[in-house]
Amino acid sequence: MSTHQPRTGLANDPRILAGAAGGLVSALAALWAFHGLPLGTLLFWLSPLPLCLAGLGFGLPAFLIAVVVAGVALLVDSISMLPSLIYLGAFGVPATLLLVTALRGLAQGGGHLALGLPLALLGLWPAAVLLLTALSLVTQVIRLQAAAMALWLAVVLVGNAGLAQWLLRRQGLALAPATRWSTARLPRWYPALPSLAALAWLLADPAHALVPLSLCLVLVVPLVLQGLAVLHTRLRPAKARAPLLVLIYVLLLVFSLPGAIILVALGLVDQFGRRNPPPANT
């Protein structure tokens, strides 16, 4: 009688297979957009989804393989490095930082993804890019739209990660259980950063005030997201939760600046004002 031995080797490692497949699909979605094909914009914003599926389902090695494969595929397709740099700057590098810090919650025995430091990185990474741009180029290229772009990229990354986690949990492939947004707390040192940037803006010469103002707005983005997390958590027991959330998001789109201020205040009150707040994820 012959016995079948289990296949081993790199070609049969699910992490490698998942990473390679995720990277190729992600690169294909980005290339579809870069070539101006129909629905390209939608596919570009969904291009982090295969990366998140690989990382949240098969771990950090699979995720890193996916990022490398996607970057190489973009380089091979283009005669310049610009598409690959755009992809890595918008999705590859920040998603890597987010996953590495989020998985610390599992590595440290917490049983859930860590949320605090990943949330802070949604402001720190765009702030670093903004400062590098300001140092390497003329200040006229720095625009107030930097904050809006940072917020949008943060929403895209969080949305793709959340969708990936939901899909993996439905298939029983998720490394972590459902994300506990009620425990989302920024590190306690983080609110000092936008405060310092705001102070620098107030003290700066008017001719050079645009950079610290943009930096302040970018660093506020995680506080806005924390306010949204608090809002979702507080409305969870409500019977009309879905219609209320739709109404709130519509109002936030119409009254973006007052809405952002309210969300920041809500997040700060929840983080520092509760008598027994959950421990912050650092």
Protein backbone atom coordinates (compact mmCIF):
# COMPACT_ATOMS: atom_id res chain seq x y z
CA MET A 1 0.00 0.00 0.00
CA SER A 2 1.24 3.44 -0.84
CA THR A 3 0.87 6.34 1.52
CA HIS A 4 0.53 9.93 0.43
CA GLN A 5 3.06 12.20 2.04
CA PRO A 6 1.99 15.79 2.66
CA ARG A 7 3.52 18.18 0.18
CA THR A 8 6.04 20.54 1.62
CA GLY A 9 8.19 23.30 0.20
CA LEU A 10 7.96 26.95 -0.66
CA ALA A 11 5.51 26.36 -3.52
CA ASN A 12 3.01 24.85 -1.09
CA ASP A 13 3.36 27.37 1.71
CA PRO A 14 -0.04 29.10 2.02
CA ARG A 15 1.62 32.30 3.22
CA ILE A 16 3.69 32.56 0.05
CA LEU A 17 0.76 31.67 -2.18
CA ALA A 18 -1.54 34.14 -0.44
CA GLY A 19 1.09 36.87 -0.51
CA ALA A 20 1.92 36.40 -4.19
CA ALA A 21 -1.74 36.26 -5.19
CA GLY A 22 -2.62 39.28 -3.06
CA GLY A 23 0.25 41.33 -4.46
CA LEU A 24 -0.61 40.51 -8.08
CA VAL A 25 -4.31 41.31 -7.63
CA SER A 26 -3.48 44.54 -5.82
CA ALA A 27 -1.02 45.59 -8.53
CA LEU A 28 -3.57 44.75 -11.23
CA ALA A 29 -6.16 46.97 -9.55
CA ALA A 30 -3.67 49.85 -9.32
CA LEU A 31 -2.50 49.37 -12.92
CA TRP A 32 -6.10 49.37 -14.09
CA ALA A 33 -6.42 52.85 -12.60
CA PHE A 34 -3.04 54.10 -13.83
CA HIS A 35 -3.98 53.13 -17.40
CA GLY A 36 -7.23 55.09 -17.19
CA LEU A 37 -9.52 52.10 -17.70
CA PRO A 38 -13.22 52.12 -16.69
CA LEU A 39 -13.86 51.97 -12.93
CA GLY A 40 -10.16 52.57 -12.42
CA THR A 41 -10.66 55.06 -9.59
CA LEU A 42 -12.78 52.60 -7.62
CA LEU A 43 -10.29 49.79 -8.16
CA PHE A 44 -7.40 52.03 -7.10
CA TRP A 45 -9.02 52.74 -3.73
CA LEU A 46 -9.73 49.00 -3.35
CA SER A 47 -6.17 47.97 -4.22
CA PRO A 48 -5.14 47.69 -0.51
CA LEU A 49 -7.85 45.05 0.04
CA PRO A 50 -5.80 42.08 -1.29
CA LEU A 51 -2.87 43.18 0.86
CA CYS A 52 -5.08 43.31 3.96
CA LEU A 53 -6.57 39.90 3.15
CA ALA A 54 -3.08 38.39 2.94
CA GLY A 55 -1.85 40.05 6.13
CA LEU A 56 -4.91 39.62 8.36
CA GLY A 57 -5.46 36.07 7.16
CA PHE A 58 -1.93 34.66 6.83
CA GLY A 59 0.26 36.97 8.89
CA LEU A 60 3.01 39.51 8.37
CA PRO A 61 5.21 37.35 6.05
CA ALA A 62 2.33 36.97 3.58
CA PHE A 63 1.65 40.68 3.74
CA LEU A 64 5.28 41.64 3.08
CA ILE A 65 5.40 39.25 0.13
CA ALA A 66 2.25 40.87 -1.25
CA VAL A 67 3.71 44.39 -0.96
CA VAL A 68 6.97 43.35 -2.64
CA VAL A 69 5.18 41.51 -5.45
CA ALA A 70 2.88 44.48 -6.07
CA GLY A 71 5.78 46.94 -6.10
CA VAL A 72 7.80 44.82 -8.52
CA ALA A 73 4.79 44.32 -10.80
CA LEU A 74 4.24 48.08 -10.97
CA LEU A 75 7.92 48.63 -11.75
CA VAL A 76 7.88 46.04 -14.53
CA ASP A 77 4.81 47.57 -16.17
CA SER A 78 6.05 51.19 -16.16
CA ILE A 79 9.11 52.88 -17.62
CA SER A 80 9.31 55.11 -14.54
CA MET A 81 9.24 54.55 -10.81
CA LEU A 82 6.39 57.03 -10.24
CA PRO A 83 3.47 54.52 -10.19
CA SER A 84 5.32 52.26 -7.78
CA LEU A 85 6.27 55.21 -5.54
CA ILE A 86 2.67 56.47 -5.50
CA TYR A 87 1.40 53.00 -4.63
CA LEU A 88 3.97 52.40 -1.90
CA GLY A 89 3.57 55.87 -0.41
CA ALA A 90 -0.23 55.79 -0.38
CA PHE A 91 -0.79 52.14 0.56
CA GLY A 92 2.28 49.92 0.82
CA VAL A 93 4.34 51.62 3.53
CA PRO A 94 1.47 52.92 5.73
CA ALA A 95 -0.37 49.60 5.51
CA THR A 96 2.82 47.79 6.56
CA LEU A 97 3.21 50.07 9.58
CA LEU A 98 -0.44 49.61 10.50
CA LEU A 99 -0.31 45.83 10.28
CA VAL A 100 2.95 45.49 12.20
CA THR A 101 1.65 47.60 15.09
CA ALA A 102 -1.84 46.06 15.02
CA LEU A 103 -0.50 42.50 15.23
CA ARG A 104 1.39 43.46 18.41
CA GLY A 105 -1.91 42.97 20.21
CA LEU A 106 -1.86 39.29 19.25
CA ALA A 107 1.87 38.84 19.84
CA GLN A 108 1.56 40.27 23.36
CA GLY A 109 -1.24 37.87 24.24
CA GLY A 110 -4.07 40.39 24.12
CA GLY A 111 -6.17 38.26 21.79
CA HIS A 112 -7.22 41.25 19.68
CA LEU A 113 -5.62 43.63 17.22
CA ALA A 114 -4.01 46.64 18.88
CA LEU A 115 -5.65 49.90 17.82
CA GLY A 116 -3.90 52.78 19.57
CA LEU A 117 -0.58 53.04 17.74
CA PRO A 118 -2.06 52.11 14.33
CA LEU A 119 -4.56 54.92 14.81
CA ALA A 120 -1.74 57.34 15.61
CA LEU A 121 0.18 56.25 12.51
CA LEU A 122 -2.70 57.40 10.33
CA GLY A 123 -1.57 60.91 11.24
CA LEU A 124 2.16 60.36 11.70
CA TRP A 125 2.81 58.87 8.26
CA PRO A 126 1.08 61.67 6.26
CA ALA A 127 2.79 64.21 8.54
CA ALA A 128 6.20 62.68 7.73
CA VAL A 129 5.44 62.77 3.99
CA LEU A 130 4.28 66.37 4.32
CA LEU A 131 7.49 67.42 6.08
CA LEU A 132 9.68 65.64 3.54
CA THR A 133 7.81 67.35 0.73
CA ALA A 134 8.18 70.74 2.40
CA LEU A 135 11.92 70.22 2.85
CA SER A 136 12.58 68.99 -0.67
CA LEU A 137 10.26 71.26 -2.66
CA VAL A 138 9.09 74.85 -2.54
CA THR A 139 6.48 75.62 0.08
CA GLN A 140 3.95 76.62 -2.60
CA VAL A 141 3.22 72.95 -3.29
CA ILE A 142 1.94 72.48 0.25
CA ARG A 143 -1.81 72.97 0.19
CA LEU A 144 -4.55 72.78 2.75
CA GLN A 145 -5.90 69.82 0.77
CA ALA A 146 -3.17 67.77 2.44
CA ALA A 147 -5.43 67.27 5.45
CA ALA A 148 -8.35 66.21 3.28
CA MET A 149 -6.12 63.74 1.42
CA ALA A 150 -4.74 62.39 4.70
CA LEU A 151 -8.28 61.88 6.00
CA TRP A 152 -9.34 60.16 2.80
CA LEU A 153 -6.31 57.84 2.74
CA ALA A 154 -6.89 57.01 6.40
CA VAL A 155 -10.53 56.16 5.67
CA VAL A 156 -9.47 54.05 2.67
CA LEU A 157 -6.92 52.07 4.66
CA VAL A 158 -9.24 51.55 7.63
CA GLY A 159 -12.13 50.65 5.34
CA ASN A 160 -10.13 48.09 3.37
CA ALA A 161 -8.75 46.57 6.58
CA GLY A 162 -12.23 46.38 8.09
CA LEU A 163 -13.68 44.79 4.95
CA ALA A 164 -10.81 42.28 4.81
CA GLN A 165 -11.31 41.36 8.47
CA TRP A 166 -15.06 40.90 7.93
CA LEU A 167 -14.54 38.68 4.85
CA LEU A 168 -11.88 36.58 6.59
CA ARG A 169 -14.02 36.08 9.71
CA ARG A 170 -16.92 34.89 7.55
CA GLN A 171 -14.62 32.24 6.08
CA GLY A 172 -13.00 31.38 9.42
CA LEU A 173 -9.58 32.54 8.22
CA ALA A 174 -9.01 35.65 10.35
CA LEU A 175 -6.02 35.64 12.66
CA ALA A 176 -7.86 37.87 15.15
CA PRO A 177 -11.48 38.03 16.35
CA ALA A 178 -13.73 40.99 15.65
CA THR A 179 -12.08 44.36 16.19
CA ARG A 180 -13.16 45.98 19.47
CA TRP A 181 -13.62 49.61 18.45
CA SER A 182 -14.89 50.43 21.94
CA THR A 183 -11.27 50.04 23.13
CA ALA A 184 -9.82 52.37 20.48
CA ARG A 185 -7.64 54.86 22.34
CA LEU A 186 -4.81 56.92 20.95
CA PRO A 187 -1.56 56.91 22.93
CA ARG A 188 -1.82 59.59 25.61
CA TRP A 189 1.10 61.51 24.12
CA TYR A 190 -0.49 61.87 20.70
CA PRO A 191 -2.84 64.88 21.29
CA ALA A 192 0.25 66.95 22.15
CA LEU A 193 1.48 66.69 18.54
CA PRO A 194 -1.35 68.59 16.79
CA SER A 195 -1.28 71.06 19.69
CA LEU A 196 2.41 71.77 19.07
CA ALA A 197 1.78 72.11 15.33
CA ALA A 198 -1.06 74.56 16.04
CA LEU A 199 1.24 76.57 18.31
CA ALA A 200 3.90 76.63 15.58
CA TRP A 201 1.30 77.89 13.13
CA LEU A 202 0.21 80.70 15.47
CA LEU A 203 3.81 81.78 16.05
CA ALA A 204 5.00 81.40 12.46
CA ASP A 205 5.56 84.24 10.05
CA PRO A 206 2.51 84.53 7.73
CA ALA A 207 4.71 83.77 4.73
CA HIS A 208 5.71 80.41 6.25
CA ALA A 209 2.55 79.48 8.14
CA LEU A 210 1.10 77.12 5.55
CA VAL A 211 3.31 74.16 6.43
CA PRO A 212 2.59 74.09 10.20
CA LEU A 213 -1.11 74.66 9.50
CA SER A 214 -1.21 71.72 7.07
CA LEU A 215 0.77 69.65 9.56
CA CYS A 216 -1.71 70.45 12.32
CA LEU A 217 -4.67 69.47 10.13
CA VAL A 218 -3.01 66.20 9.12
CA LEU A 219 -2.21 65.29 12.73
CA VAL A 220 -5.83 65.93 13.74
CA VAL A 221 -7.07 63.14 11.43
CA PRO A 222 -6.60 60.30 14.00
CA LEU A 223 -8.55 62.35 16.55
CA VAL A 224 -11.40 62.64 14.05
CA LEU A 225 -11.32 58.88 13.48
CA GLN A 226 -11.32 58.24 17.22
CA GLY A 227 -14.38 60.46 17.50
CA LEU A 228 -16.07 58.34 14.83
CA ALA A 229 -15.17 55.17 16.73
CA VAL A 230 -16.73 56.65 19.88
CA LEU A 231 -19.82 57.62 17.91
CA HIS A 232 -20.29 54.12 16.51
CA THR A 233 -19.78 52.60 19.96
CA ARG A 234 -22.22 54.95 21.68
CA LEU A 235 -24.94 54.33 19.07
CA ARG A 236 -24.60 50.54 19.18
CA PRO A 237 -27.57 50.01 21.57
CA ALA A 238 -29.84 52.36 19.57
CA LYS A 239 -32.66 50.69 17.63
CA ALA A 240 -32.35 53.17 14.75
CA ARG A 241 -28.56 52.96 14.67
CA ALA A 242 -28.17 52.62 10.89
CA PRO A 243 -30.42 55.57 9.93
CA LEU A 244 -28.82 57.71 12.62
CA LEU A 245 -25.32 56.94 11.33
CA VAL A 246 -26.37 57.73 7.75
CA LEU A 247 -27.85 61.05 8.90
CA ILE A 248 -24.73 61.89 10.90
CA TYR A 249 -22.41 61.13 7.98
CA VAL A 250 -24.52 63.28 5.65
CA LEU A 251 -24.33 66.15 8.15
CA LEU A 252 -20.57 65.64 8.45
CA LEU A 253 -20.21 65.94 4.68
CA VAL A 254 -22.32 69.10 4.59
CA PHE A 255 -20.80 70.72 7.68
CA SER A 256 -17.32 69.23 7.50
CA LEU A 257 -15.39 71.73 9.62
CA PRO A 258 -17.86 71.97 12.55
CA GLY A 259 -18.37 68.21 12.33
CA ALA A 260 -14.63 67.54 12.52
CA ILE A 261 -14.33 69.80 15.56
CA ILE A 262 -17.19 67.99 17.30
CA LEU A 263 -15.65 64.59 16.54
CA VAL A 264 -12.25 65.66 17.87
CA ALA A 265 -13.87 66.94 21.06
CA LEU A 266 -15.88 63.73 21.41
CA GLY A 267 -12.78 61.59 21.05
CA LEU A 268 -10.77 63.64 23.54
CA VAL A 269 -13.57 63.65 26.11
CA ASP A 270 -13.95 59.90 25.80
CA GLN A 271 -10.21 59.30 26.09
CA PHE A 272 -9.45 61.60 29.00
CA GLY A 273 -12.83 62.23 30.60
CA ARG A 274 -14.07 58.75 31.44
CA ARG A 275 -13.69 57.67 35.03
CA ASN A 276 -12.50 54.18 34.14
CA PRO A 277 -11.27 54.28 30.55
CA PRO A 278 -9.96 51.11 28.94
CA PRO A 279 -6.18 50.92 28.85
CA ALA A 280 -4.74 52.79 25.90
CA ASN A 281 -3.11 50.75 23.16
CA THR A 282 0.42 52.07 22.92
